[in-house]
Protein backbone atom coordinates (compact mmCIF):
# COMPACT_ATOMS: atom_id res chain seq x y z
CA MET A 1 192.53 11.39 167.71
CA LYS A 2 193.96 12.17 163.75
CA ILE A 3 193.95 15.91 163.04
CA ASN A 4 194.26 16.59 160.14
CA ILE A 5 196.09 19.43 158.71
CA PHE A 6 194.17 20.80 156.20
CA SER A 7 191.80 21.17 159.13
CA VAL A 8 193.86 23.22 161.36
CA LEU A 9 195.15 25.80 158.54
CA GLY A 10 191.29 25.79 157.46
CA ILE A 11 190.56 27.07 160.68
CA VAL A 12 193.22 29.30 161.22
CA PHE A 13 192.73 30.74 157.37
CA PHE A 14 189.06 31.55 158.94
CA CYS A 15 190.00 33.14 161.45
CA LEU A 16 192.78 35.74 159.87
CA GLY A 17 189.66 36.50 157.63
CA LEU A 18 187.22 37.34 160.64
CA ALA A 19 189.92 39.47 162.20
CA ALA A 20 190.72 40.97 158.45
CA CYS A 21 186.90 42.54 158.10
CA GLN A 22 186.18 45.75 159.82
CA ILE A 23 183.09 47.53 159.92
CA PRO A 24 183.46 50.60 158.30
CA ASP A 25 183.35 54.42 160.29
CA GLU A 26 180.25 56.06 159.22
CA ASN A 27 181.41 59.25 160.34
CA ILE A 28 184.73 59.05 157.72
CA GLN A 29 183.59 60.39 154.96
CA PRO A 30 185.20 59.48 151.57
CA ALA A 31 186.74 61.99 149.40
CA SER A 32 184.43 62.60 145.88
CA GLU A 33 186.16 61.47 142.42
CA ALA A 34 186.69 65.68 142.20
CA GLU A 35 188.68 66.21 145.06
CA PHE A 36 191.10 63.29 144.51
CA LEU A 37 190.86 63.85 140.47
CA ASN A 38 191.52 67.83 140.67
CA PHE A 39 194.21 68.21 138.49
CA ALA A 40 194.20 71.98 138.32
CA SER A 41 195.83 72.26 141.91
CA PHE A 42 198.75 69.77 140.43
CA GLU A 43 199.76 72.65 138.03
CA LYS A 44 202.32 74.24 140.59
CA LYS A 45 203.28 70.58 142.00
CA VAL A 46 203.84 67.96 139.43
CA LYS A 47 205.88 68.60 135.70
CA ILE A 48 206.84 66.27 133.33
CA MET A 49 210.16 66.21 132.99
CA ASP A 50 210.49 63.74 130.42
CA ARG A 51 208.03 61.22 127.87
CA SER A 52 208.62 58.93 125.33
CA GLU A 53 205.77 56.56 123.96
CA ASN A 54 206.03 53.74 126.66
CA SER A 55 207.74 55.90 129.41
CA ILE A 56 207.08 59.21 131.10
CA THR A 57 208.69 60.78 133.97
CA PHE A 58 206.93 63.73 136.35
CA GLU A 59 209.25 65.86 139.22
CA TYR A 60 206.71 66.79 142.25
CA SER A 61 206.34 68.30 145.75
CA ASP A 62 203.75 68.77 148.42
CA VAL A 63 201.98 65.66 146.45
CA ARG A 64 201.69 61.93 146.94
CA ILE A 65 202.85 59.78 144.91
CA ASP A 66 199.25 58.04 144.63
CA GLN A 67 198.05 61.04 142.59
CA VAL A 68 200.74 61.42 140.19
CA SER A 69 200.14 57.54 139.35
CA VAL A 70 196.86 58.61 138.08
CA LEU A 71 198.33 61.13 135.89
CA ALA A 72 200.73 58.55 134.43
CA GLU A 73 197.84 55.94 134.02
CA GLN A 74 196.22 58.62 131.74
CA TYR A 75 198.85 59.61 129.93
CA CYS A 76 199.42 55.56 129.08
CA GLN A 77 196.34 54.88 128.18
CA MET A 78 196.43 57.71 126.03
CA THR A 79 199.40 57.73 123.95
CA ALA A 80 199.57 53.67 123.79
CA GLY A 81 196.34 52.40 124.94
CA GLN A 82 198.40 50.46 128.06
CA ASN A 83 198.62 50.27 131.94
CA ALA A 84 201.62 52.17 133.86
CA PHE A 85 204.17 50.78 136.11
CA LEU A 86 206.13 52.60 138.67
CA ASP A 87 209.85 52.13 137.71
CA LYS A 88 211.17 54.27 140.32
CA VAL A 89 210.93 57.37 142.71
CA ILE A 90 214.08 59.27 143.58
CA LEU A 91 214.85 62.36 145.80
CA TYR A 92 215.87 65.31 143.71
CA LYS A 93 216.66 69.02 144.18
CA ASN A 94 214.77 71.49 147.00
CA ASN A 95 212.69 67.91 148.25
CA ALA A 96 211.34 67.53 145.15
CA ARG A 97 210.67 63.91 143.71
CA ARG A 98 211.03 62.35 140.67
CA ALA A 99 208.87 59.32 139.59
CA LYS A 100 209.68 57.22 136.32
CA PHE A 101 206.49 54.77 134.84
CA TYR A 102 206.50 52.79 132.02
CA CYS A 103 203.48 51.92 130.20
CA TYR A 104 203.16 47.98 129.27
CA LYS A 105 200.06 46.07 128.51
């Protein structure tokens, strides 16, 4: 009996796909968009340190990088009609972090 490698790979990927599927927990409530994008709470936690037409650098603390990336995405969309790309994050004074984003198409 010959075993076709593609049949075996198909079965493996099918099983992996089933294992990756999860049933969401009904008790977990996703954060509303208003809570996630509450930029007023960033006023003291995020500062713009440098900006140009093609890049922006934020200094932040007590905020997640995914929240800062939303600000960068908005900046790039408004200034150049482009998307934001995270270049680097560095640890700065007093446990603050600096994140530099580039705008690209």
